[in-house]
Amino acid sequence: LGSRTLEDLRRYISERKWEAVEPVAGWKSPSSIMMHGMAGLF
């Protein structure tokens, strides 16, 4: 959800800022059964 500048994208990875972001809940994870069903609906 950060800024979309090259520097901010680079920092997000290099400084591991992603570790401070809450992961997507298990049932909403793209690899879950629930989201597999959602893909089918789309």
PDB file of all heavy atoms in Angstrom:
ATOM      1  N   LEU A   1       0.815  -1.210   0.000  1.00  0.00           N
ATOM      2  CA  LEU A   1       0.000   0.000   0.000  1.00  0.00           C
ATOM      3  C   LEU A   1       0.855   1.270   0.000  1.00  0.00           C
ATOM      4  O   LEU A   1       0.334   2.359   0.174  1.00  0.00           O
ATOM      5  CB  LEU A   1      -0.938   0.009   1.207  1.00  0.00           C
ATOM      6  CG  LEU A   1      -1.954  -1.132   1.245  1.00  0.00           C
ATOM      7  CD1 LEU A   1      -2.707  -1.144   2.566  1.00  0.00           C
ATOM      8  CD2 LEU A   1      -2.920  -1.030   0.076  1.00  0.00           C
ATOM      9  N   GLY A   2       2.155   1.115  -0.188  1.00  0.00           N
ATOM     10  CA  GLY A   2       3.066   2.258  -0.146  1.00  0.00           C
ATOM     11  C   GLY A   2       3.059   3.072  -1.426  1.00  0.00           C
ATOM     12  O   GLY A   2       2.298   2.822  -2.362  1.00  0.00           O
ATOM     13  N   SER A   3       3.948   4.028  -1.440  1.00  0.00           N
ATOM     14  CA  SER A   3       4.123   4.894  -2.603  1.00  0.00           C
ATOM     15  C   SER A   3       4.610   4.068  -3.790  1.00  0.00           C
ATOM     16  O   SER A   3       5.294   3.059  -3.624  1.00  0.00           O
ATOM     17  CB  SER A   3       5.143   5.986  -2.263  1.00  0.00           C
ATOM     18  OG  SER A   3       5.505   6.683  -3.421  1.00  0.00           O
ATOM     19  N   ARG A   4       4.291   4.513  -4.971  1.00  0.00           N
ATOM     20  CA  ARG A   4       4.645   3.743  -6.171  1.00  0.00           C
ATOM     21  C   ARG A   4       5.824   4.354  -6.914  1.00  0.00           C
ATOM     22  O   ARG A   4       5.877   4.311  -8.138  1.00  0.00           O
ATOM     23  CB  ARG A   4       3.420   3.613  -7.049  1.00  0.00           C
ATOM     24  CG  ARG A   4       2.411   2.735  -6.338  1.00  0.00           C
ATOM     25  CD  ARG A   4       1.128   2.620  -7.023  1.00  0.00           C
ATOM     26  NE  ARG A   4       0.296   1.695  -6.256  1.00  0.00           N
ATOM     27  CZ  ARG A   4      -0.994   1.712  -6.270  1.00  0.00           C
ATOM     28  NH1 ARG A   4      -1.623   2.592  -6.994  1.00  0.00           N
ATOM     29  NH2 ARG A   4      -1.677   0.851  -5.564  1.00  0.00           N
ATOM     30  N   THR A   5       6.771   4.885  -6.159  1.00  0.00           N
ATOM     31  CA  THR A   5       7.995   5.386  -6.765  1.00  0.00           C
ATOM     32  C   THR A   5       9.028   4.267  -6.759  1.00  0.00           C
ATOM     33  O   THR A   5       8.951   3.342  -5.943  1.00  0.00           O
ATOM     34  CB  THR A   5       8.561   6.598  -5.992  1.00  0.00           C
ATOM     35  OG1 THR A   5       8.940   6.168  -4.684  1.00  0.00           O
ATOM     36  CG2 THR A   5       7.534   7.724  -5.902  1.00  0.00           C
ATOM     37  N   LEU A   6       9.991   4.359  -7.643  1.00  0.00           N
ATOM     38  CA  LEU A   6      11.024   3.342  -7.735  1.00  0.00           C
ATOM     39  C   LEU A   6      11.791   3.232  -6.420  1.00  0.00           C
ATOM     40  O   LEU A   6      12.058   2.122  -5.941  1.00  0.00           O
ATOM     41  CB  LEU A   6      11.976   3.668  -8.887  1.00  0.00           C
ATOM     42  CG  LEU A   6      13.131   2.702  -9.100  1.00  0.00           C
ATOM     43  CD1 LEU A   6      12.624   1.283  -9.333  1.00  0.00           C
ATOM     44  CD2 LEU A   6      13.994   3.162 -10.249  1.00  0.00           C
ATOM     45  N   GLU A   7      12.111   4.364  -5.827  1.00  0.00           N
ATOM     46  CA  GLU A   7      12.869   4.365  -4.576  1.00  0.00           C
ATOM     47  C   GLU A   7      12.096   3.660  -3.451  1.00  0.00           C
ATOM     48  O   GLU A   7      12.659   2.877  -2.692  1.00  0.00           O
ATOM     49  CB  GLU A   7      13.218   5.792  -4.168  1.00  0.00           C
ATOM     50  CG  GLU A   7      14.134   5.883  -2.976  1.00  0.00           C
ATOM     51  CD  GLU A   7      15.455   5.146  -3.164  1.00  0.00           C
ATOM     52  OE1 GLU A   7      15.995   5.139  -4.288  1.00  0.00           O
ATOM     53  OE2 GLU A   7      15.932   4.551  -2.180  1.00  0.00           O
ATOM     54  N   ASP A   8      10.793   3.929  -3.343  1.00  0.00           N
ATOM     55  CA  ASP A   8       9.998   3.296  -2.286  1.00  0.00           C
ATOM     56  C   ASP A   8       9.819   1.797  -2.520  1.00  0.00           C
ATOM     57  O   ASP A   8       9.838   1.013  -1.576  1.00  0.00           O
ATOM     58  CB  ASP A   8       8.648   3.988  -2.146  1.00  0.00           C
ATOM     59  CG  ASP A   8       8.754   5.329  -1.438  1.00  0.00           C
ATOM     60  OD1 ASP A   8       9.729   5.534  -0.695  1.00  0.00           O
ATOM     61  OD2 ASP A   8       7.865   6.173  -1.642  1.00  0.00           O
ATOM     62  N   LEU A   9       9.650   1.398  -3.771  1.00  0.00           N
ATOM     63  CA  LEU A   9       9.555  -0.028  -4.079  1.00  0.00           C
ATOM     64  C   LEU A   9      10.871  -0.723  -3.740  1.00  0.00           C
ATOM     65  O   LEU A   9      10.878  -1.798  -3.137  1.00  0.00           O
ATOM     66  CB  LEU A   9       9.216  -0.237  -5.553  1.00  0.00           C
ATOM     67  CG  LEU A   9       7.796   0.126  -5.976  1.00  0.00           C
ATOM     68  CD1 LEU A   9       7.686   0.201  -7.496  1.00  0.00           C
ATOM     69  CD2 LEU A   9       6.797  -0.872  -5.421  1.00  0.00           C
ATOM     70  N   ARG A  10      11.968  -0.108  -4.110  1.00  0.00           N
ATOM     71  CA  ARG A  10      13.295  -0.645  -3.826  1.00  0.00           C
ATOM     72  C   ARG A  10      13.506  -0.784  -2.311  1.00  0.00           C
ATOM     73  O   ARG A  10      13.962  -1.811  -1.829  1.00  0.00           O
ATOM     74  CB  ARG A  10      14.353   0.287  -4.433  1.00  0.00           C
ATOM     75  CG  ARG A  10      15.749  -0.274  -4.401  1.00  0.00           C
ATOM     76  CD  ARG A  10      16.782   0.703  -4.945  1.00  0.00           C
ATOM     77  NE  ARG A  10      16.480   1.174  -6.285  1.00  0.00           N
ATOM     78  CZ  ARG A  10      16.482   2.471  -6.632  1.00  0.00           C
ATOM     79  NH1 ARG A  10      16.759   3.407  -5.766  1.00  0.00           N
ATOM     80  NH2 ARG A  10      16.219   2.812  -7.876  1.00  0.00           N
ATOM     81  N   ARG A  11      13.152   0.269  -1.567  1.00  0.00           N
ATOM     82  CA  ARG A  11      13.325   0.257  -0.106  1.00  0.00           C
ATOM     83  C   ARG A  11      12.437  -0.795   0.560  1.00  0.00           C
ATOM     84  O   ARG A  11      12.831  -1.409   1.552  1.00  0.00           O
ATOM     85  CB  ARG A  11      12.982   1.647   0.457  1.00  0.00           C
ATOM     86  CG  ARG A  11      14.152   2.267   1.166  1.00  0.00           C
ATOM     87  CD  ARG A  11      13.767   3.540   1.884  1.00  0.00           C
ATOM     88  NE  ARG A  11      14.273   4.650   1.117  1.00  0.00           N
ATOM     89  CZ  ARG A  11      13.572   5.677   0.692  1.00  0.00           C
ATOM     90  NH1 ARG A  11      12.302   5.792   0.990  1.00  0.00           N
ATOM     91  NH2 ARG A  11      14.125   6.626  -0.006  1.00  0.00           N
ATOM     92  N   TYR A  12      11.241  -0.974   0.036  1.00  0.00           N
ATOM     93  CA  TYR A  12      10.311  -1.961   0.583  1.00  0.00           C
ATOM     94  C   TYR A  12      10.954  -3.348   0.619  1.00  0.00           C
ATOM     95  O   TYR A  12      10.762  -4.106   1.571  1.00  0.00           O
ATOM     96  CB  TYR A  12       9.028  -1.977  -0.263  1.00  0.00           C
ATOM     97  CG  TYR A  12       7.910  -2.825   0.281  1.00  0.00           C
ATOM     98  CD1 TYR A  12       7.135  -2.381   1.350  1.00  0.00           C
ATOM     99  CD2 TYR A  12       7.604  -4.046  -0.274  1.00  0.00           C
ATOM    100  CE1 TYR A  12       6.089  -3.149   1.844  1.00  0.00           C
ATOM    101  CE2 TYR A  12       6.561  -4.822   0.203  1.00  0.00           C
ATOM    102  CZ  TYR A  12       5.809  -4.370   1.266  1.00  0.00           C
ATOM    103  OH  TYR A  12       4.778  -5.135   1.750  1.00  0.00           O
ATOM    104  N   ILE A  13      11.723  -3.656  -0.423  1.00  0.00           N
ATOM    105  CA  ILE A  13      12.382  -4.957  -0.502  1.00  0.00           C
ATOM    106  C   ILE A  13      13.720  -4.946   0.237  1.00  0.00           C
ATOM    107  O   ILE A  13      13.980  -5.799   1.081  1.00  0.00           O
ATOM    108  CB  ILE A  13      12.589  -5.378  -1.976  1.00  0.00           C
ATOM    109  CG1 ILE A  13      11.239  -5.513  -2.692  1.00  0.00           C
ATOM    110  CG2 ILE A  13      13.397  -6.669  -2.067  1.00  0.00           C
ATOM    111  CD1 ILE A  13      10.301  -6.536  -2.100  1.00  0.00           C
ATOM    112  N   SER A  14      14.571  -3.975  -0.080  1.00  0.00           N
ATOM    113  CA  SER A  14      15.930  -3.982   0.482  1.00  0.00           C
ATOM    114  C   SER A  14      15.948  -3.800   1.996  1.00  0.00           C
ATOM    115  O   SER A  14      16.774  -4.398   2.683  1.00  0.00           O
ATOM    116  CB  SER A  14      16.794  -2.907  -0.187  1.00  0.00           C
ATOM    117  OG  SER A  14      16.297  -1.619   0.105  1.00  0.00           O
ATOM    118  N   GLU A  15      15.028  -2.988   2.528  1.00  0.00           N
ATOM    119  CA  GLU A  15      14.970  -2.764   3.973  1.00  0.00           C
ATOM    120  C   GLU A  15      13.985  -3.707   4.667  1.00  0.00           C
ATOM    121  O   GLU A  15      13.706  -3.551   5.853  1.00  0.00           O
ATOM    122  CB  GLU A  15      14.610  -1.297   4.260  1.00  0.00           C
ATOM    123  CG  GLU A  15      15.660  -0.323   3.773  1.00  0.00           C
ATOM    124  CD  GLU A  15      15.268   1.136   3.968  1.00  0.00           C
ATOM    125  OE1 GLU A  15      14.257   1.405   4.670  1.00  0.00           O
ATOM    126  OE2 GLU A  15      15.958   2.001   3.417  1.00  0.00           O
ATOM    127  N   ARG A  16      13.445  -4.642   3.892  1.00  0.00           N
ATOM    128  CA  ARG A  16      12.504  -5.644   4.402  1.00  0.00           C
ATOM    129  C   ARG A  16      11.312  -5.010   5.128  1.00  0.00           C
ATOM    130  O   ARG A  16      10.852  -5.519   6.147  1.00  0.00           O
ATOM    131  CB  ARG A  16      13.224  -6.650   5.290  1.00  0.00           C
ATOM    132  CG  ARG A  16      14.334  -7.390   4.550  1.00  0.00           C
ATOM    133  CD  ARG A  16      15.114  -8.326   5.428  1.00  0.00           C
ATOM    134  NE  ARG A  16      14.319  -9.455   5.899  1.00  0.00           N
ATOM    135  CZ  ARG A  16      14.263 -10.646   5.309  1.00  0.00           C
ATOM    136  NH1 ARG A  16      14.949 -10.866   4.223  1.00  0.00           N
ATOM    137  NH2 ARG A  16      13.525 -11.604   5.832  1.00  0.00           N
ATOM    138  N   LYS A  17      10.817  -3.919   4.579  1.00  0.00           N
ATOM    139  CA  LYS A  17       9.662  -3.245   5.177  1.00  0.00           C
ATOM    140  C   LYS A  17       8.409  -4.112   5.120  1.00  0.00           C
ATOM    141  O   LYS A  17       7.467  -3.905   5.878  1.00  0.00           O
ATOM    142  CB  LYS A  17       9.421  -1.899   4.489  1.00  0.00           C
ATOM    143  CG  LYS A  17      10.487  -0.881   4.790  1.00  0.00           C
ATOM    144  CD  LYS A  17      10.138   0.464   4.207  1.00  0.00           C
ATOM    145  CE  LYS A  17      11.177   1.490   4.634  1.00  0.00           C
ATOM    146  NZ  LYS A  17      10.788   2.838   4.240  1.00  0.00           N
ATOM    147  N   TRP A  18       8.397  -5.070   4.234  1.00  0.00           N
ATOM    148  CA  TRP A  18       7.247  -5.962   4.112  1.00  0.00           C
ATOM    149  C   TRP A  18       7.018  -6.777   5.381  1.00  0.00           C
ATOM    150  O   TRP A  18       5.904  -7.220   5.633  1.00  0.00           O
ATOM    151  CB  TRP A  18       7.400  -6.879   2.895  1.00  0.00           C
ATOM    152  CG  TRP A  18       8.693  -7.632   2.814  1.00  0.00           C
ATOM    153  CD1 TRP A  18       9.843  -7.235   2.184  1.00  0.00           C
ATOM    154  CD2 TRP A  18       8.976  -8.909   3.377  1.00  0.00           C
ATOM    155  NE1 TRP A  18      10.821  -8.182   2.326  1.00  0.00           N
ATOM    156  CE2 TRP A  18      10.318  -9.231   3.054  1.00  0.00           C
ATOM    157  CE3 TRP A  18       8.237  -9.817   4.122  1.00  0.00           C
ATOM    158  CZ2 TRP A  18      10.922 -10.405   3.446  1.00  0.00           C
ATOM    159  CZ3 TRP A  18       8.840 -11.001   4.515  1.00  0.00           C
ATOM    160  CH2 TRP A  18      10.168 -11.282   4.178  1.00  0.00           C
ATOM    161  N   GLU A  19       8.064  -6.955   6.182  1.00  0.00           N
ATOM    162  CA  GLU A  19       7.901  -7.727   7.423  1.00  0.00           C
ATOM    163  C   GLU A  19       6.976  -7.032   8.425  1.00  0.00           C
ATOM    164  O   GLU A  19       6.378  -7.683   9.275  1.00  0.00           O
ATOM    165  CB  GLU A  19       9.264  -7.978   8.071  1.00  0.00           C
ATOM    166  CG  GLU A  19      10.103  -8.952   7.277  1.00  0.00           C
ATOM    167  CD  GLU A  19      11.486  -9.152   7.862  1.00  0.00           C
ATOM    168  OE1 GLU A  19      11.982  -8.248   8.566  1.00  0.00           O
ATOM    169  OE2 GLU A  19      12.063 -10.228   7.612  1.00  0.00           O
ATOM    170  N   ALA A  20       6.853  -5.699   8.316  1.00  0.00           N
ATOM    171  CA  ALA A  20       5.987  -4.946   9.230  1.00  0.00           C
ATOM    172  C   ALA A  20       4.529  -4.941   8.773  1.00  0.00           C
ATOM    173  O   ALA A  20       3.651  -4.476   9.494  1.00  0.00           O
ATOM    174  CB  ALA A  20       6.490  -3.509   9.361  1.00  0.00           C
ATOM    175  N   VAL A  21       4.261  -5.468   7.589  1.00  0.00           N
ATOM    176  CA  VAL A  21       2.905  -5.481   7.029  1.00  0.00           C
ATOM    177  C   VAL A  21       2.227  -6.799   7.398  1.00  0.00           C
ATOM    178  O   VAL A  21       2.822  -7.874   7.275  1.00  0.00           O
ATOM    179  CB  VAL A  21       2.939  -5.310   5.491  1.00  0.00           C
ATOM    180  CG1 VAL A  21       1.542  -5.391   4.901  1.00  0.00           C
ATOM    181  CG2 VAL A  21       3.607  -3.997   5.124  1.00  0.00           C
ATOM    182  N   GLU A  22       0.991  -6.706   7.851  1.00  0.00           N
ATOM    183  CA  GLU A  22       0.210  -7.890   8.224  1.00  0.00           C
ATOM    184  C   GLU A  22      -0.045  -8.758   6.985  1.00  0.00           C
ATOM    185  O   GLU A  22      -0.549  -8.265   5.974  1.00  0.00           O
ATOM    186  CB  GLU A  22      -1.121  -7.442   8.826  1.00  0.00           C
ATOM    187  CG  GLU A  22      -1.959  -8.558   9.398  1.00  0.00           C
ATOM    188  CD  GLU A  22      -1.402  -9.109  10.695  1.00  0.00           C
ATOM    189  OE1 GLU A  22      -0.700  -8.370  11.419  1.00  0.00           O
ATOM    190  OE2 GLU A  22      -1.654 -10.286  10.988  1.00  0.00           O
ATOM    191  N   PRO A  23       0.281 -10.050   7.055  1.00  0.00           N
ATOM    192  CA  PRO A  23       0.007 -10.926   5.906  1.00  0.00           C
ATOM    193  C   PRO A  23      -1.498 -11.087   5.673  1.00  0.00           C
ATOM    194  O   PRO A  23      -2.305 -10.908   6.590  1.00  0.00           O
ATOM    195  CB  PRO A  23       0.619 -12.266   6.320  1.00  0.00           C
ATOM    196  CG  PRO A  23       1.477 -11.998   7.484  1.00  0.00           C
ATOM    197  CD  PRO A  23       0.957 -10.748   8.135  1.00  0.00           C
ATOM    198  N   VAL A  24      -1.846 -11.443   4.466  1.00  0.00           N
ATOM    199  CA  VAL A  24      -3.234 -11.736   4.122  1.00  0.00           C
ATOM    200  C   VAL A  24      -3.657 -12.941   4.950  1.00  0.00           C
ATOM    201  O   VAL A  24      -2.913 -13.919   5.066  1.00  0.00           O
ATOM    202  CB  VAL A  24      -3.365 -12.032   2.612  1.00  0.00           C
ATOM    203  CG1 VAL A  24      -4.766 -12.492   2.260  1.00  0.00           C
ATOM    204  CG2 VAL A  24      -2.975 -10.814   1.794  1.00  0.00           C
ATOM    205  N   ALA A  25      -4.840 -12.870   5.546  1.00  0.00           N
ATOM    206  CA  ALA A  25      -5.349 -13.963   6.389  1.00  0.00           C
ATOM    207  C   ALA A  25      -5.372 -15.270   5.600  1.00  0.00           C
ATOM    208  O   ALA A  25      -5.593 -15.277   4.388  1.00  0.00           O
ATOM    209  CB  ALA A  25      -6.746 -13.623   6.887  1.00  0.00           C
ATOM    210  N   GLY A  26      -5.167 -16.383   6.309  1.00  0.00           N
ATOM    211  CA  GLY A  26      -5.081 -17.693   5.676  1.00  0.00           C
ATOM    212  C   GLY A  26      -6.235 -18.030   4.756  1.00  0.00           C
ATOM    213  O   GLY A  26      -6.037 -18.528   3.658  1.00  0.00           O
ATOM    214  N   TRP A  27      -7.458 -17.744   5.180  1.00  0.00           N
ATOM    215  CA  TRP A  27      -8.617 -18.088   4.354  1.00  0.00           C
ATOM    216  C   TRP A  27      -8.743 -17.165   3.146  1.00  0.00           C
ATOM    217  O   TRP A  27      -9.379 -17.523   2.159  1.00  0.00           O
ATOM    218  CB  TRP A  27      -9.901 -18.080   5.177  1.00  0.00           C
ATOM    219  CG  TRP A  27     -10.292 -16.730   5.701  1.00  0.00           C
ATOM    220  CD1 TRP A  27      -9.858 -16.134   6.846  1.00  0.00           C
ATOM    221  CD2 TRP A  27     -11.191 -15.804   5.090  1.00  0.00           C
ATOM    222  NE1 TRP A  27     -10.426 -14.901   6.997  1.00  0.00           N
ATOM    223  CE2 TRP A  27     -11.263 -14.660   5.927  1.00  0.00           C
ATOM    224  CE3 TRP A  27     -11.948 -15.821   3.919  1.00  0.00           C
ATOM    225  CZ2 TRP A  27     -12.046 -13.560   5.621  1.00  0.00           C
ATOM    226  CZ3 TRP A  27     -12.741 -14.724   3.625  1.00  0.00           C
ATOM    227  CH2 TRP A  27     -12.779 -13.618   4.475  1.00  0.00           C
ATOM    228  N   LYS A  28      -8.101 -15.976   3.190  1.00  0.00           N
ATOM    229  CA  LYS A  28      -8.121 -15.048   2.054  1.00  0.00           C
ATOM    230  C   LYS A  28      -6.867 -15.166   1.194  1.00  0.00           C
ATOM    231  O   LYS A  28      -6.728 -14.469   0.205  1.00  0.00           O
ATOM    232  CB  LYS A  28      -8.241 -13.608   2.560  1.00  0.00           C
ATOM    233  CG  LYS A  28      -9.609 -13.262   3.094  1.00  0.00           C
ATOM    234  CD  LYS A  28      -9.604 -11.927   3.776  1.00  0.00           C
ATOM    235  CE  LYS A  28      -9.967 -10.797   2.879  1.00  0.00           C
ATOM    236  NZ  LYS A  28     -10.037  -9.512   3.586  1.00  0.00           N
ATOM    237  N   SER A  29      -5.974 -16.054   1.568  1.00  0.00           N
ATOM    238  CA  SER A  29      -4.739 -16.239   0.811  1.00  0.00           C
ATOM    239  C   SER A  29      -5.075 -16.760  -0.589  1.00  0.00           C
ATOM    240  O   SER A  29      -5.953 -17.611  -0.742  1.00  0.00           O
ATOM    241  CB  SER A  29      -3.830 -17.236   1.530  1.00  0.00           C
ATOM    242  OG  SER A  29      -2.702 -17.512   0.740  1.00  0.00           O
ATOM    243  N   PRO A  30      -4.397 -16.263  -1.611  1.00  0.00           N
ATOM    244  CA  PRO A  30      -4.674 -16.713  -2.985  1.00  0.00           C
ATOM    245  C   PRO A  30      -4.548 -18.221  -3.192  1.00  0.00           C
ATOM    246  O   PRO A  30      -5.139 -18.763  -4.107  1.00  0.00           O
ATOM    247  CB  PRO A  30      -3.630 -15.963  -3.811  1.00  0.00           C
ATOM    248  CG  PRO A  30      -3.345 -14.741  -3.007  1.00  0.00           C
ATOM    249  CD  PRO A  30      -3.434 -15.169  -1.579  1.00  0.00           C
ATOM    250  N   SER A  31      -3.820 -18.902  -2.315  1.00  0.00           N
ATOM    251  CA  SER A  31      -3.665 -20.349  -2.476  1.00  0.00           C
ATOM    252  C   SER A  31      -4.699 -21.156  -1.677  1.00  0.00           C
ATOM    253  O   SER A  31      -4.690 -22.378  -1.719  1.00  0.00           O
ATOM    254  CB  SER A  31      -2.249 -20.770  -2.069  1.00  0.00           C
ATOM    255  OG  SER A  31      -1.987 -20.381  -0.741  1.00  0.00           O
ATOM    256  N   SER A  32      -5.623 -20.471  -0.982  1.00  0.00           N
ATOM    257  CA  SER A  32      -6.609 -21.172  -0.159  1.00  0.00           C
ATOM    258  C   SER A  32      -7.766 -21.721  -1.000  1.00  0.00           C
ATOM    259  O   SER A  32      -8.005 -21.291  -2.133  1.00  0.00           O
ATOM    260  CB  SER A  32      -7.166 -20.231   0.921  1.00  0.00           C
ATOM    261  OG  SER A  32      -8.018 -19.265   0.332  1.00  0.00           O
ATOM    262  N   ILE A  33      -8.493 -22.660  -0.418  1.00  0.00           N
ATOM    263  CA  ILE A  33      -9.672 -23.245  -1.075  1.00  0.00           C
ATOM    264  C   ILE A  33     -10.721 -22.164  -1.343  1.00  0.00           C
ATOM    265  O   ILE A  33     -11.348 -22.140  -2.404  1.00  0.00           O
ATOM    266  CB  ILE A  33     -10.277 -24.359  -0.187  1.00  0.00           C
ATOM    267  CG1 ILE A  33      -9.298 -25.503  -0.017  1.00  0.00           C
ATOM    268  CG2 ILE A  33     -11.598 -24.849  -0.739  1.00  0.00           C
ATOM    269  CD1 ILE A  33      -9.071 -26.339  -1.249  1.00  0.00           C
ATOM    270  N   MET A  34     -10.889 -21.251  -0.397  1.00  0.00           N
ATOM    271  CA  MET A  34     -11.873 -20.180  -0.529  1.00  0.00           C
ATOM    272  C   MET A  34     -11.588 -19.327  -1.766  1.00  0.00           C
ATOM    273  O   MET A  34     -12.487 -19.012  -2.550  1.00  0.00           O
ATOM    274  CB  MET A  34     -11.845 -19.310   0.735  1.00  0.00           C
ATOM    275  CG  MET A  34     -12.769 -18.151   0.693  1.00  0.00           C
ATOM    276  SD  MET A  34     -14.411 -18.709   1.060  1.00  0.00           S
ATOM    277  CE  MET A  34     -15.104 -17.218   1.678  1.00  0.00           C
ATOM    278  N   MET A  35     -10.339 -18.940  -1.958  1.00  0.00           N
ATOM    279  CA  MET A  35      -9.990 -18.099  -3.096  1.00  0.00           C
ATOM    280  C   MET A  35      -9.962 -18.894  -4.394  1.00  0.00           C
ATOM    281  O   MET A  35     -10.158 -18.340  -5.464  1.00  0.00           O
ATOM    282  CB  MET A  35      -8.655 -17.392  -2.857  1.00  0.00           C
ATOM    283  CG  MET A  35      -8.740 -16.322  -1.776  1.00  0.00           C
ATOM    284  SD  MET A  35      -9.886 -14.997  -2.243  1.00  0.00           S
ATOM    285  CE  MET A  35     -11.044 -15.037  -0.910  1.00  0.00           C
ATOM    286  N   HIS A  36      -9.786 -20.205  -4.292  1.00  0.00           N
ATOM    287  CA  HIS A  36      -9.918 -21.049  -5.479  1.00  0.00           C
ATOM    288  C   HIS A  36     -11.368 -20.989  -5.971  1.00  0.00           C
ATOM    289  O   HIS A  36     -11.622 -20.885  -7.168  1.00  0.00           O
ATOM    290  CB  HIS A  36      -9.511 -22.490  -5.151  1.00  0.00           C
ATOM    291  CG  HIS A  36      -9.589 -23.415  -6.307  1.00  0.00           C
ATOM    292  ND1 HIS A  36      -8.687 -23.390  -7.340  1.00  0.00           N
ATOM    293  CD2 HIS A  36     -10.484 -24.392  -6.603  1.00  0.00           C
ATOM    294  CE1 HIS A  36      -9.025 -24.313  -8.229  1.00  0.00           C
ATOM    295  NE2 HIS A  36     -10.108 -24.933  -7.792  1.00  0.00           N
ATOM    296  N   GLY A  37     -12.312 -21.035  -5.022  1.00  0.00           N
ATOM    297  CA  GLY A  37     -13.728 -20.900  -5.369  1.00  0.00           C
ATOM    298  C   GLY A  37     -14.043 -19.526  -5.934  1.00  0.00           C
ATOM    299  O   GLY A  37     -14.828 -19.394  -6.879  1.00  0.00           O
ATOM    300  N   MET A  38     -13.421 -18.499  -5.367  1.00  0.00           N
ATOM    301  CA  MET A  38     -13.625 -17.133  -5.863  1.00  0.00           C
ATOM    302  C   MET A  38     -13.133 -17.023  -7.308  1.00  0.00           C
ATOM    303  O   MET A  38     -13.774 -16.386  -8.146  1.00  0.00           O
ATOM    304  CB  MET A  38     -12.895 -16.140  -4.966  1.00  0.00           C
ATOM    305  CG  MET A  38     -13.159 -14.695  -5.311  1.00  0.00           C
ATOM    306  SD  MET A  38     -14.865 -14.186  -5.029  1.00  0.00           S
ATOM    307  CE  MET A  38     -14.849 -14.004  -3.275  1.00  0.00           C
ATOM    308  N   ALA A  39     -12.008 -17.653  -7.603  1.00  0.00           N
ATOM    309  CA  ALA A  39     -11.489 -17.649  -8.978  1.00  0.00           C
ATOM    310  C   ALA A  39     -12.500 -18.303  -9.917  1.00  0.00           C
ATOM    311  O   ALA A  39     -12.725 -17.827 -11.035  1.00  0.00           O
ATOM    312  CB  ALA A  39     -10.149 -18.376  -9.041  1.00  0.00           C
ATOM    313  N   GLY A  40     -13.124 -19.377  -9.452  1.00  0.00           N
ATOM    314  CA  GLY A  40     -14.150 -20.042 -10.261  1.00  0.00           C
ATOM    315  C   GLY A  40     -15.336 -19.143 -10.542  1.00  0.00           C
ATOM    316  O   GLY A  40     -15.872 -19.132 -11.653  1.00  0.00           O
ATOM    317  N   LEU A  41     -15.747 -18.355  -9.537  1.00  0.00           N
ATOM    318  CA  LEU A  41     -16.852 -17.413  -9.749  1.00  0.00           C
ATOM    319  C   LEU A  41     -16.500 -16.339 -10.777  1.00  0.00           C
ATOM    320  O   LEU A  41     -17.335 -15.954 -11.593  1.00  0.00           O
ATOM    321  CB  LEU A  41     -17.257 -16.760  -8.424  1.00  0.00           C
ATOM    322  CG  LEU A  41     -17.990 -17.656  -7.437  1.00  0.00           C
ATOM    323  CD1 LEU A  41     -18.228 -16.913  -6.127  1.00  0.00           C
ATOM    324  CD2 LEU A  41     -19.309 -18.134  -8.029  1.00  0.00           C
ATOM    325  N   PHE A  42     -15.267 -15.863 -10.749  1.00  0.00           N
ATOM    326  CA  PHE A  42     -14.838 -14.866 -11.733  1.00  0.00           C
ATOM    327  C   PHE A  42     -14.810 -15.472 -13.137  1.00  0.00           C
ATOM    328  O   PHE A  42     -15.175 -14.815 -14.106  1.00  0.00           O
ATOM    329  CB  PHE A  42     -13.473 -14.285 -11.352  1.00  0.00           C
ATOM    330  CG  PHE A  42     -13.559 -13.129 -10.401  1.00  0.00           C
ATOM    331  CD1 PHE A  42     -14.033 -13.298  -9.110  1.00  0.00           C
ATOM    332  CD2 PHE A  42     -13.176 -11.865 -10.789  1.00  0.00           C
ATOM    333  CE1 PHE A  42     -14.114 -12.245  -8.225  1.00  0.00           C
ATOM    334  CE2 PHE A  42     -13.250 -10.798  -9.914  1.00  0.00           C
ATOM    335  CZ  PHE A  42     -13.719 -10.993  -8.630  1.00  0.00           C
TER     336      PHE A  42
END
